[in-house]
Amino acid sequence: MLKNREGERVPNVTFHTRSNDQWVDITTSELFSGKKVIVFSLPGAFTPTCSSSHLPRYEELAGVFKQNGIDEIICISVNDTFVMNEWGKEQNAKHVRLIPDGNGDFTEGMGMLVDKDNLGFGKRSWRYSMLVEYSIIKKMFIEPEVEGDPYEVSDADTMLNYINPSAAKPKLVTMFSKVGCPYCTRAKAALKDRGIDYEEIVLGKDITSRSLRAVAGATTTPQVFIDGQLIGGSEALDEYLRNNPNFAA
């Protein structure tokens, strides 16, 4: 039975990380003292649910969490620092800090170290999330102890609903672009000026012109979607932003 540790202090450990080709030790005190921090822990970098849902959604909601008093969002996994660093690059993680718990010391101290020998993983973390205020665990969401890899309560939306149920979530912006396209550059600048994060899908790299036509009904770039709604090119985006002056990520 995995124990809920609300009201307890986080384990006192040192994480061995790698930054700019140098070893950098980071203590629990450095991560949590004097701050409000969200932690989510998962079975492994590059694994399906962790890469497609868990980490990306915390990235998407990072700005909202900051607006609601959170100083930092940390992802912890029982992986070495080289793996975590590469995963962060692959995920383009800008707002979530990836911390390697290579020896499992922190995870063991949390009582969340589990055996995944059946998958060839060895010892890994059970999936959970928690809100830590000034080194004290205020709230924990632990996934149910069932077969497989449950992902029901440790997600970013559940955590945000706990912190502020009425918090406004950012709109999801996706831009289909092409290398060297001046209109794409104009659209990117318009979004950047508003501080709006967006996902970029590059024609010829991430998608074909046929696929773009199937999705957007056009082959010209950019093609901008907001919350699944096709806005169109750079001029249409300018008009949308003029008509929605309060729209920001």
Protein backbone atom coordinates (compact mmCIF):
# COMPACT_ATOMS: atom_id res chain seq x y z
CA MET A 1 0.00 0.00 0.00
CA LEU A 2 1.54 3.30 -1.11
CA LYS A 3 1.41 5.86 1.69
CA ASN A 4 0.03 9.34 1.29
CA ARG A 5 2.63 11.63 2.89
CA GLU A 6 0.65 14.85 3.16
CA GLY A 7 1.94 16.97 6.04
CA GLU A 8 5.42 15.44 5.92
CA ARG A 9 8.69 17.04 4.83
CA VAL A 10 10.12 15.98 1.47
CA PRO A 11 13.09 13.54 1.67
CA ASN A 12 16.49 15.15 2.17
CA VAL A 13 18.58 13.99 -0.80
CA THR A 14 21.10 15.27 -3.34
CA PHE A 15 20.38 14.94 -7.05
CA HIS A 16 23.33 14.46 -9.40
CA THR A 17 22.66 16.47 -12.55
CA ARG A 18 24.61 17.46 -15.63
CA SER A 19 24.59 21.02 -16.99
CA ASN A 20 26.88 22.56 -19.63
CA ASP A 21 29.06 19.44 -19.58
CA GLN A 22 29.62 19.83 -15.83
CA TRP A 23 28.34 17.81 -12.90
CA VAL A 24 26.06 19.89 -10.70
CA ASP A 25 24.69 18.59 -7.41
CA ILE A 26 21.28 19.95 -6.40
CA THR A 27 19.91 19.46 -2.91
CA THR A 28 16.32 19.08 -1.79
CA SER A 29 16.73 22.32 0.13
CA GLU A 30 17.64 24.21 -3.04
CA LEU A 31 14.58 22.87 -4.85
CA PHE A 32 11.95 23.39 -2.17
CA SER A 33 13.00 25.85 0.55
CA GLY A 34 10.94 29.05 0.54
CA LYS A 35 8.96 28.04 -2.55
CA LYS A 36 5.67 26.57 -3.68
CA VAL A 37 6.50 23.72 -6.01
CA ILE A 38 4.53 21.18 -8.00
CA VAL A 39 6.21 17.80 -8.40
CA PHE A 40 5.06 15.06 -10.68
CA SER A 41 6.86 11.75 -10.88
CA LEU A 42 6.58 9.11 -13.56
CA PRO A 43 7.95 5.68 -14.55
CA GLY A 44 10.41 6.81 -17.18
CA ALA A 45 11.60 9.35 -19.72
CA PHE A 46 10.62 8.65 -23.34
CA THR A 47 7.84 6.25 -22.27
CA PRO A 48 4.44 6.66 -24.02
CA THR A 49 2.11 8.26 -21.46
CA CYS A 50 4.90 10.31 -19.91
CA SER A 51 5.87 11.76 -23.31
CA SER A 52 2.45 12.18 -24.88
CA SER A 53 0.42 13.43 -21.92
CA HIS A 54 2.01 13.82 -18.49
CA LEU A 55 4.92 16.17 -19.21
CA PRO A 56 3.34 18.06 -22.16
CA ARG A 57 0.23 19.08 -20.23
CA TYR A 58 2.25 20.45 -17.31
CA GLU A 59 4.23 22.43 -19.90
CA GLU A 60 1.01 23.78 -21.41
CA LEU A 61 -0.39 24.87 -18.04
CA ALA A 62 2.87 26.24 -16.60
CA GLY A 63 1.82 29.85 -17.12
CA VAL A 64 -1.49 29.29 -15.37
CA PHE A 65 0.23 27.62 -12.42
CA LYS A 66 2.59 30.59 -12.16
CA GLN A 67 -0.38 32.98 -12.13
CA ASN A 68 -1.75 30.94 -9.23
CA GLY A 69 1.30 31.23 -7.01
CA ILE A 70 3.44 28.28 -8.08
CA ASP A 71 7.16 29.08 -8.22
CA GLU A 72 8.35 25.98 -10.06
CA ILE A 73 7.20 22.72 -11.65
CA ILE A 74 9.50 19.73 -11.29
CA CYS A 75 9.38 16.36 -13.00
CA ILE A 76 11.25 13.56 -11.21
CA SER A 77 12.02 10.17 -12.70
CA VAL A 78 14.33 7.31 -11.79
CA ASN A 79 16.55 7.94 -14.80
CA ASP A 80 20.09 9.24 -15.09
CA THR A 81 20.77 12.88 -15.92
CA PHE A 82 21.86 12.17 -19.51
CA VAL A 83 18.53 10.50 -20.29
CA MET A 84 16.53 13.26 -18.60
CA ASN A 85 18.46 15.99 -20.41
CA GLU A 86 17.86 14.38 -23.81
CA TRP A 87 14.20 13.83 -23.01
CA GLY A 88 13.87 17.49 -22.09
CA LYS A 89 15.33 18.47 -25.46
CA GLU A 90 13.08 16.06 -27.32
CA GLN A 91 10.03 17.41 -25.48
CA ASN A 92 11.17 21.05 -25.82
CA ALA A 93 10.54 21.44 -22.09
CA LYS A 94 10.94 25.14 -21.30
CA HIS A 95 8.87 25.54 -18.14
CA VAL A 96 9.15 22.18 -16.36
CA ARG A 97 12.43 21.37 -14.64
CA LEU A 98 13.48 17.76 -15.20
CA ILE A 99 15.31 16.25 -12.23
CA PRO A 100 17.03 12.85 -12.43
CA ASP A 101 16.65 10.56 -9.43
CA GLY A 102 19.17 8.11 -10.85
CA ASN A 103 19.66 6.06 -7.70
CA GLY A 104 16.03 6.30 -6.66
CA ASP A 105 16.94 7.94 -3.35
CA PHE A 106 14.20 10.57 -3.42
CA THR A 107 11.61 8.14 -4.76
CA GLU A 108 12.48 5.56 -2.12
CA GLY A 109 12.23 8.24 0.57
CA MET A 110 8.77 9.08 -0.73
CA GLY A 111 7.80 5.41 -0.49
CA MET A 112 7.07 5.40 -4.23
CA LEU A 113 9.87 3.13 -5.49
CA VAL A 114 8.28 0.11 -7.16
CA ASP A 115 9.52 -2.99 -8.95
CA LYS A 116 9.03 -3.01 -12.72
CA ASP A 117 11.27 -5.99 -13.48
CA ASN A 118 8.52 -7.48 -15.64
CA LEU A 119 9.14 -4.65 -18.13
CA GLY A 120 12.91 -4.75 -17.80
CA PHE A 121 12.85 -1.39 -16.03
CA GLY A 122 14.11 -2.49 -12.62
CA LYS A 123 13.17 -0.11 -9.81
CA ARG A 124 11.14 2.90 -10.94
CA SER A 125 8.78 5.51 -9.52
CA TRP A 126 5.07 4.96 -9.19
CA ARG A 127 3.19 7.75 -10.95
CA TYR A 128 2.08 10.55 -8.60
CA SER A 129 1.99 14.31 -8.20
CA MET A 130 2.19 16.60 -5.20
CA LEU A 131 2.05 20.21 -4.12
CA VAL A 132 4.98 21.11 -1.87
CA GLU A 133 4.90 24.35 0.10
CA TYR A 134 8.15 25.38 1.80
CA SER A 135 9.43 21.76 1.80
CA ILE A 136 6.19 20.38 3.32
CA ILE A 137 3.91 18.15 1.25
CA LYS A 138 0.51 19.83 1.25
CA LYS A 139 -1.30 17.58 -1.24
CA MET A 140 -0.59 14.26 -2.98
CA PHE A 141 -2.34 12.59 -5.89
CA ILE A 142 -1.26 8.95 -6.10
CA GLU A 143 -2.34 6.79 -9.01
CA PRO A 144 -4.45 3.73 -8.02
CA GLU A 145 -2.50 0.54 -7.36
CA VAL A 146 -3.75 -1.52 -10.28
CA GLU A 147 -2.08 -3.41 -13.11
CA GLY A 148 -0.38 -1.45 -15.84
CA ASP A 149 0.39 2.25 -15.75
CA PRO A 150 -2.71 4.12 -14.50
CA TYR A 151 -2.92 7.81 -15.34
CA GLU A 152 -6.03 9.19 -13.68
CA VAL A 153 -5.18 11.68 -10.90
CA SER A 154 -1.56 12.86 -11.24
CA ASP A 155 -2.25 14.93 -14.35
CA ALA A 156 -1.85 18.70 -14.59
CA ASP A 157 -5.58 19.43 -14.87
CA THR A 158 -6.34 17.60 -11.61
CA MET A 159 -3.60 19.57 -9.85
CA LEU A 160 -4.83 22.88 -11.28
CA ASN A 161 -8.39 22.07 -10.25
CA TYR A 162 -7.15 21.52 -6.70
CA ILE A 163 -5.19 24.78 -6.62
CA ASN A 164 -7.85 26.91 -8.33
CA PRO A 165 -10.96 25.27 -9.83
CA SER A 166 -11.91 28.50 -11.60
CA ALA A 167 -8.52 29.10 -13.25
CA ALA A 168 -8.76 29.97 -16.93
CA LYS A 169 -6.81 27.53 -19.08
CA PRO A 170 -4.79 28.72 -22.09
CA LYS A 171 -6.04 28.18 -25.61
CA LEU A 172 -4.09 25.65 -27.66
CA VAL A 173 -2.40 27.26 -30.66
CA THR A 174 -0.90 25.28 -33.53
CA MET A 175 0.80 26.78 -36.57
CA PHE A 176 1.60 24.96 -39.79
CA SER A 177 4.61 26.73 -41.28
CA LYS A 178 7.30 26.41 -43.93
CA VAL A 179 11.01 27.24 -43.79
CA GLY A 180 11.70 30.62 -45.37
CA CYS A 181 8.04 31.71 -45.37
CA PRO A 182 7.86 35.48 -44.58
CA TYR A 183 4.16 35.26 -43.69
CA CYS A 184 5.02 32.55 -41.15
CA THR A 185 7.62 34.86 -39.63
CA ARG A 186 4.97 37.57 -39.38
CA ALA A 187 2.50 35.22 -37.68
CA LYS A 188 5.14 34.00 -35.21
CA ALA A 189 5.98 37.61 -34.31
CA ALA A 190 2.32 38.40 -33.72
CA LEU A 191 1.99 35.48 -31.33
CA LYS A 192 5.28 36.28 -29.61
CA ASP A 193 4.23 39.90 -29.07
CA ARG A 194 1.20 38.62 -27.15
CA GLY A 195 3.28 36.10 -25.19
CA ILE A 196 1.30 33.25 -26.74
CA ASP A 197 2.92 29.82 -26.81
CA TYR A 198 2.28 27.74 -29.89
CA GLU A 199 3.11 24.41 -31.43
CA GLU A 200 4.84 24.63 -34.81
CA ILE A 201 4.45 21.93 -37.46
CA VAL A 202 6.83 22.43 -40.38
CA LEU A 203 5.76 21.57 -43.92
CA GLY A 204 8.23 19.17 -45.52
CA LYS A 205 9.60 18.12 -42.14
CA ASP A 206 6.70 17.21 -39.90
CA ILE A 207 3.90 17.10 -42.46
CA THR A 208 3.40 16.84 -46.25
CA SER A 209 1.48 19.31 -48.41
CA ARG A 210 -1.13 16.61 -48.96
CA SER A 211 -1.62 16.22 -45.22
CA LEU A 212 -1.79 19.98 -44.77
CA ARG A 213 -4.48 20.20 -47.43
CA ALA A 214 -6.42 17.43 -45.70
CA VAL A 215 -6.23 19.19 -42.33
CA ALA A 216 -6.56 22.86 -43.31
CA GLY A 217 -8.06 22.72 -46.79
CA ALA A 218 -5.06 24.72 -48.06
CA THR A 219 -1.44 24.28 -49.05
CA THR A 220 -0.20 27.81 -48.29
CA THR A 221 1.49 28.70 -45.02
CA PRO A 222 1.01 29.67 -42.32
CA GLN A 223 -2.19 27.95 -41.29
CA VAL A 224 -3.04 28.71 -37.66
CA PHE A 225 -5.45 26.72 -35.49
CA ILE A 226 -6.72 27.88 -32.09
CA ASP A 227 -8.43 25.26 -29.92
CA GLY A 228 -8.98 23.16 -33.05
CA GLN A 229 -10.58 26.02 -35.02
CA LEU A 230 -8.90 27.01 -38.27
CA ILE A 231 -8.06 30.73 -38.16
CA GLY A 232 -6.07 30.83 -41.41
CA GLY A 233 -2.98 32.74 -42.51
CA SER A 234 -1.12 35.70 -41.04
CA GLU A 235 -3.74 38.30 -42.02
CA ALA A 236 -6.54 36.19 -40.55
CA LEU A 237 -4.49 35.75 -37.38
CA ASP A 238 -3.95 39.54 -37.13
CA GLU A 239 -7.70 40.06 -37.43
CA TYR A 240 -8.43 37.39 -34.83
CA LEU A 241 -6.00 38.98 -32.36
CA ARG A 242 -7.47 42.45 -32.97
CA ASN A 243 -10.94 41.09 -32.25
CA ASN A 244 -9.73 39.25 -29.14
CA PRO A 245 -7.53 41.81 -27.34
CA ASN A 246 -7.53 39.83 -24.09
CA PHE A 247 -6.36 36.61 -25.72
CA ALA A 248 -2.98 35.64 -24.30
CA ALA A 249 -1.36 32.42 -23.16
